[in-house]
Amino acid sequence: MLNKLKQLLTLEAQKPSTGPSKEMAMAALLAEVMLADGEASPEEQARMSQLLQRLTQQTPQAVQELLTDCLAQQQDVVSLYEFTTELKNLPINEREQLLYSLWQLAFTDAYLDPEEEGVIRQVADLLYVPHSRFIWLKEQASQKASI
């Protein structure tokens, strides 16, 4: 009986992670910011594609497939935690780059919606990005967008 329990626990520990891939998690977080204000303008969609390509270093075709899959699953999203679990283990510079990309997407329409800022704030907390860096990245994206 004890051996069977050990085998079961060993098998469970060896199962691969069923969470989203790093790329899918990044796409989902970008989509959450884009859809936070209830609108997804063509400019925001194009910007999201551009940012995701830069973050993941994938071809435009691969990014489009990723976005299509991501947006199809977007209605099933329960919380941001499922996406940040994988990403919080990234080096801090990669987490900050993702956060900066989220800010850039939020400033695409020349208006920062409070809902967009709320999503980004939550992501920053879940990724363990210090608040001072959160503010600095926001200011950098804001200045670049000239808002």
C-alpha atoms as a PDB file:
ATOM      1  CA  MET A   1       0.000   0.000   0.000  1.00  0.00           C
ATOM      2  CA  LEU A   2       2.768   2.401   0.952  1.00  0.00           C
ATOM      3  CA  ASN A   3       4.712   1.555  -2.213  1.00  0.00           C
ATOM      4  CA  LYS A   4       1.651   2.260  -4.365  1.00  0.00           C
ATOM      5  CA  LEU A   5       1.268   5.664  -2.725  1.00  0.00           C
ATOM      6  CA  LYS A   6       4.940   6.453  -3.358  1.00  0.00           C
ATOM      7  CA  GLN A   7       4.563   5.436  -7.012  1.00  0.00           C
ATOM      8  CA  LEU A   8       1.498   7.619  -7.408  1.00  0.00           C
ATOM      9  CA  LEU A   9       3.233  10.621  -5.862  1.00  0.00           C
ATOM     10  CA  THR A  10       6.319  10.061  -8.019  1.00  0.00           C
ATOM     11  CA  LEU A  11       4.205   9.906 -11.180  1.00  0.00           C
ATOM     12  CA  GLU A  12       2.377  13.106 -10.225  1.00  0.00           C
ATOM     13  CA  ALA A  13       5.658  14.919  -9.597  1.00  0.00           C
ATOM     14  CA  GLN A  14       7.021  13.843 -12.978  1.00  0.00           C
ATOM     15  CA  LYS A  15       4.061  15.133 -14.995  1.00  0.00           C
ATOM     16  CA  PRO A  16       4.930  18.137 -17.147  1.00  0.00           C
ATOM     17  CA  SER A  17       3.437  21.502 -16.319  1.00  0.00           C
ATOM     18  CA  THR A  18      -0.006  21.951 -17.840  1.00  0.00           C
ATOM     19  CA  GLY A  19       0.082  25.722 -17.602  1.00  0.00           C
ATOM     20  CA  PRO A  20       0.414  28.029 -20.574  1.00  0.00           C
ATOM     21  CA  SER A  21       3.748  28.439 -22.335  1.00  0.00           C
ATOM     22  CA  LYS A  22       5.841  31.529 -21.696  1.00  0.00           C
ATOM     23  CA  GLU A  23       4.793  32.961 -25.061  1.00  0.00           C
ATOM     24  CA  MET A  24       1.092  32.212 -24.488  1.00  0.00           C
ATOM     25  CA  ALA A  25       1.281  33.767 -21.022  1.00  0.00           C
ATOM     26  CA  MET A  26       2.813  36.948 -22.457  1.00  0.00           C
ATOM     27  CA  ALA A  27       0.174  37.068 -25.198  1.00  0.00           C
ATOM     28  CA  ALA A  28      -2.596  36.598 -22.639  1.00  0.00           C
ATOM     29  CA  LEU A  29      -1.316  39.435 -20.436  1.00  0.00           C
ATOM     30  CA  LEU A  30      -1.050  41.754 -23.430  1.00  0.00           C
ATOM     31  CA  ALA A  31      -4.597  40.780 -24.436  1.00  0.00           C
ATOM     32  CA  GLU A  32      -5.863  41.472 -20.914  1.00  0.00           C
ATOM     33  CA  VAL A  33      -4.466  45.004 -21.071  1.00  0.00           C
ATOM     34  CA  MET A  34      -5.808  45.572 -24.579  1.00  0.00           C
ATOM     35  CA  LEU A  35      -9.303  44.404 -23.622  1.00  0.00           C
ATOM     36  CA  ALA A  36      -9.369  46.006 -20.157  1.00  0.00           C
ATOM     37  CA  ASP A  37     -11.128  49.152 -21.382  1.00  0.00           C
ATOM     38  CA  GLY A  38     -13.677  47.145 -23.359  1.00  0.00           C
ATOM     39  CA  GLU A  39     -12.290  48.186 -26.731  1.00  0.00           C
ATOM     40  CA  ALA A  40      -9.677  46.693 -29.037  1.00  0.00           C
ATOM     41  CA  SER A  41      -8.853  49.209 -31.734  1.00  0.00           C
ATOM     42  CA  PRO A  42      -6.983  48.152 -34.879  1.00  0.00           C
ATOM     43  CA  GLU A  43      -4.033  50.250 -33.651  1.00  0.00           C
ATOM     44  CA  GLU A  44      -3.949  48.359 -30.348  1.00  0.00           C
ATOM     45  CA  GLN A  45      -4.170  45.013 -32.134  1.00  0.00           C
ATOM     46  CA  ALA A  46      -1.286  45.922 -34.445  1.00  0.00           C
ATOM     47  CA  ARG A  47       0.753  47.224 -31.502  1.00  0.00           C
ATOM     48  CA  MET A  48       0.071  44.057 -29.520  1.00  0.00           C
ATOM     49  CA  SER A  49       1.333  41.938 -32.400  1.00  0.00           C
ATOM     50  CA  GLN A  50       4.466  44.083 -32.710  1.00  0.00           C
ATOM     51  CA  LEU A  51       5.186  43.955 -28.970  1.00  0.00           C
ATOM     52  CA  LEU A  52       4.629  40.215 -28.781  1.00  0.00           C
ATOM     53  CA  GLN A  53       6.973  39.636 -31.690  1.00  0.00           C
ATOM     54  CA  ARG A  54       9.662  41.677 -29.936  1.00  0.00           C
ATOM     55  CA  LEU A  55       9.128  39.893 -26.604  1.00  0.00           C
ATOM     56  CA  THR A  56       9.097  36.354 -27.986  1.00  0.00           C
ATOM     57  CA  GLN A  57      11.490  36.731 -30.938  1.00  0.00           C
ATOM     58  CA  GLN A  58       9.085  34.729 -33.105  1.00  0.00           C
ATOM     59  CA  THR A  59       8.175  35.174 -36.760  1.00  0.00           C
ATOM     60  CA  PRO A  60       5.153  37.335 -37.621  1.00  0.00           C
ATOM     61  CA  GLN A  61       3.304  34.183 -38.710  1.00  0.00           C
ATOM     62  CA  ALA A  62       3.979  32.411 -35.409  1.00  0.00           C
ATOM     63  CA  VAL A  63       2.895  35.514 -33.496  1.00  0.00           C
ATOM     64  CA  GLN A  64      -0.380  35.671 -35.452  1.00  0.00           C
ATOM     65  CA  GLU A  65      -1.103  32.022 -34.637  1.00  0.00           C
ATOM     66  CA  LEU A  66      -0.284  32.674 -30.987  1.00  0.00           C
ATOM     67  CA  LEU A  67      -2.597  35.692 -30.895  1.00  0.00           C
ATOM     68  CA  THR A  68      -5.407  33.790 -32.588  1.00  0.00           C
ATOM     69  CA  ASP A  69      -5.137  30.982 -30.015  1.00  0.00           C
ATOM     70  CA  CYS A  70      -4.828  33.445 -27.160  1.00  0.00           C
ATOM     71  CA  LEU A  71      -7.856  35.537 -28.126  1.00  0.00           C
ATOM     72  CA  ALA A  72      -9.939  32.393 -28.673  1.00  0.00           C
ATOM     73  CA  GLN A  73      -9.177  31.307 -25.096  1.00  0.00           C
ATOM     74  CA  GLN A  74      -9.549  34.780 -23.591  1.00  0.00           C
ATOM     75  CA  GLN A  75     -13.168  34.227 -22.539  1.00  0.00           C
ATOM     76  CA  ASP A  76     -12.108  31.332 -20.308  1.00  0.00           C
ATOM     77  CA  VAL A  77      -9.573  33.364 -18.313  1.00  0.00           C
ATOM     78  CA  VAL A  78     -10.324  33.259 -14.605  1.00  0.00           C
ATOM     79  CA  SER A  79      -7.363  35.203 -13.217  1.00  0.00           C
ATOM     80  CA  LEU A  80      -3.990  36.610 -14.153  1.00  0.00           C
ATOM     81  CA  TYR A  81      -2.272  34.260 -11.720  1.00  0.00           C
ATOM     82  CA  GLU A  82      -2.323  31.325 -14.139  1.00  0.00           C
ATOM     83  CA  PHE A  83      -0.236  33.373 -16.594  1.00  0.00           C
ATOM     84  CA  THR A  84       2.140  34.992 -14.139  1.00  0.00           C
ATOM     85  CA  THR A  85       3.082  31.746 -12.377  1.00  0.00           C
ATOM     86  CA  GLU A  86       5.381  30.740 -15.222  1.00  0.00           C
ATOM     87  CA  LEU A  87       6.660  34.278 -15.852  1.00  0.00           C
ATOM     88  CA  LYS A  88       7.599  35.189 -12.280  1.00  0.00           C
ATOM     89  CA  ASN A  89      10.612  32.888 -12.592  1.00  0.00           C
ATOM     90  CA  LEU A  90      12.060  34.923 -15.462  1.00  0.00           C
ATOM     91  CA  PRO A  91      15.042  37.188 -14.764  1.00  0.00           C
ATOM     92  CA  ILE A  92      13.986  40.623 -13.502  1.00  0.00           C
ATOM     93  CA  ASN A  93      15.045  42.364 -16.725  1.00  0.00           C
ATOM     94  CA  GLU A  94      12.685  40.138 -18.759  1.00  0.00           C
ATOM     95  CA  ARG A  95       9.823  40.740 -16.317  1.00  0.00           C
ATOM     96  CA  GLU A  96      10.455  44.480 -16.564  1.00  0.00           C
ATOM     97  CA  GLN A  97      10.544  44.282 -20.364  1.00  0.00           C
ATOM     98  CA  LEU A  98       7.143  42.587 -20.298  1.00  0.00           C
ATOM     99  CA  LEU A  99       5.786  45.239 -17.950  1.00  0.00           C
ATOM    100  CA  TYR A 100       7.176  47.993 -20.185  1.00  0.00           C
ATOM    101  CA  SER A 101       5.444  46.367 -23.159  1.00  0.00           C
ATOM    102  CA  LEU A 102       2.167  46.318 -21.237  1.00  0.00           C
ATOM    103  CA  TRP A 103       2.554  50.045 -20.560  1.00  0.00           C
ATOM    104  CA  GLN A 104       3.349  50.705 -24.220  1.00  0.00           C
ATOM    105  CA  LEU A 105       0.193  48.871 -25.243  1.00  0.00           C
ATOM    106  CA  ALA A 106      -1.883  50.804 -22.712  1.00  0.00           C
ATOM    107  CA  PHE A 107      -0.597  54.119 -24.079  1.00  0.00           C
ATOM    108  CA  THR A 108      -1.237  53.154 -27.734  1.00  0.00           C
ATOM    109  CA  ASP A 109      -4.551  55.000 -27.890  1.00  0.00           C
ATOM    110  CA  ALA A 110      -3.085  58.114 -26.213  1.00  0.00           C
ATOM    111  CA  TYR A 111      -5.248  57.543 -23.145  1.00  0.00           C
ATOM    112  CA  LEU A 112      -4.471  55.479 -20.071  1.00  0.00           C
ATOM    113  CA  ASP A 113      -7.695  53.878 -18.923  1.00  0.00           C
ATOM    114  CA  PRO A 114      -7.847  53.165 -15.160  1.00  0.00           C
ATOM    115  CA  GLU A 115      -8.811  49.558 -15.951  1.00  0.00           C
ATOM    116  CA  GLU A 116      -5.648  49.124 -18.035  1.00  0.00           C
ATOM    117  CA  GLU A 117      -3.537  50.558 -15.244  1.00  0.00           C
ATOM    118  CA  GLY A 118      -5.227  48.233 -12.757  1.00  0.00           C
ATOM    119  CA  VAL A 119      -4.380  45.165 -14.822  1.00  0.00           C
ATOM    120  CA  ILE A 120      -0.758  46.274 -15.198  1.00  0.00           C
ATOM    121  CA  ARG A 121      -0.489  46.998 -11.465  1.00  0.00           C
ATOM    122  CA  GLN A 122      -1.798  43.520 -10.682  1.00  0.00           C
ATOM    123  CA  VAL A 123       0.648  41.924 -13.134  1.00  0.00           C
ATOM    124  CA  ALA A 124       3.543  43.868 -11.586  1.00  0.00           C
ATOM    125  CA  ASP A 125       2.600  42.607  -8.133  1.00  0.00           C
ATOM    126  CA  LEU A 126       2.268  39.007  -9.322  1.00  0.00           C
ATOM    127  CA  LEU A 127       5.638  39.205 -11.115  1.00  0.00           C
ATOM    128  CA  TYR A 128       7.344  40.687  -8.042  1.00  0.00           C
ATOM    129  CA  VAL A 129       8.424  43.851  -9.829  1.00  0.00           C
ATOM    130  CA  PRO A 130       9.259  46.541  -7.247  1.00  0.00           C
ATOM    131  CA  HIS A 131       6.848  49.470  -7.141  1.00  0.00           C
ATOM    132  CA  SER A 132       9.621  51.965  -7.902  1.00  0.00           C
ATOM    133  CA  ARG A 133      10.360  50.100 -11.160  1.00  0.00           C
ATOM    134  CA  PHE A 134       6.624  49.888 -11.902  1.00  0.00           C
ATOM    135  CA  ILE A 135       6.406  53.700 -11.731  1.00  0.00           C
ATOM    136  CA  TRP A 136       9.648  54.224 -13.663  1.00  0.00           C
ATOM    137  CA  LEU A 137       8.522  51.911 -16.491  1.00  0.00           C
ATOM    138  CA  LYS A 138       5.173  53.706 -16.622  1.00  0.00           C
ATOM    139  CA  GLU A 139       6.910  57.073 -16.931  1.00  0.00           C
ATOM    140  CA  GLN A 140       9.243  55.794 -19.649  1.00  0.00           C
ATOM    141  CA  ALA A 141       6.339  54.450 -21.709  1.00  0.00           C
ATOM    142  CA  SER A 142       4.341  57.623 -21.106  1.00  0.00           C
ATOM    143  CA  GLN A 143       7.173  59.861 -22.289  1.00  0.00           C
ATOM    144  CA  LYS A 144       7.729  57.743 -25.366  1.00  0.00           C
ATOM    145  CA  ALA A 145       4.010  57.970 -26.164  1.00  0.00           C
ATOM    146  CA  SER A 146       4.076  61.744 -25.451  1.00  0.00           C
ATOM    147  CA  ILE A 147       1.121  61.705 -23.086  1.00  0.00           C
END
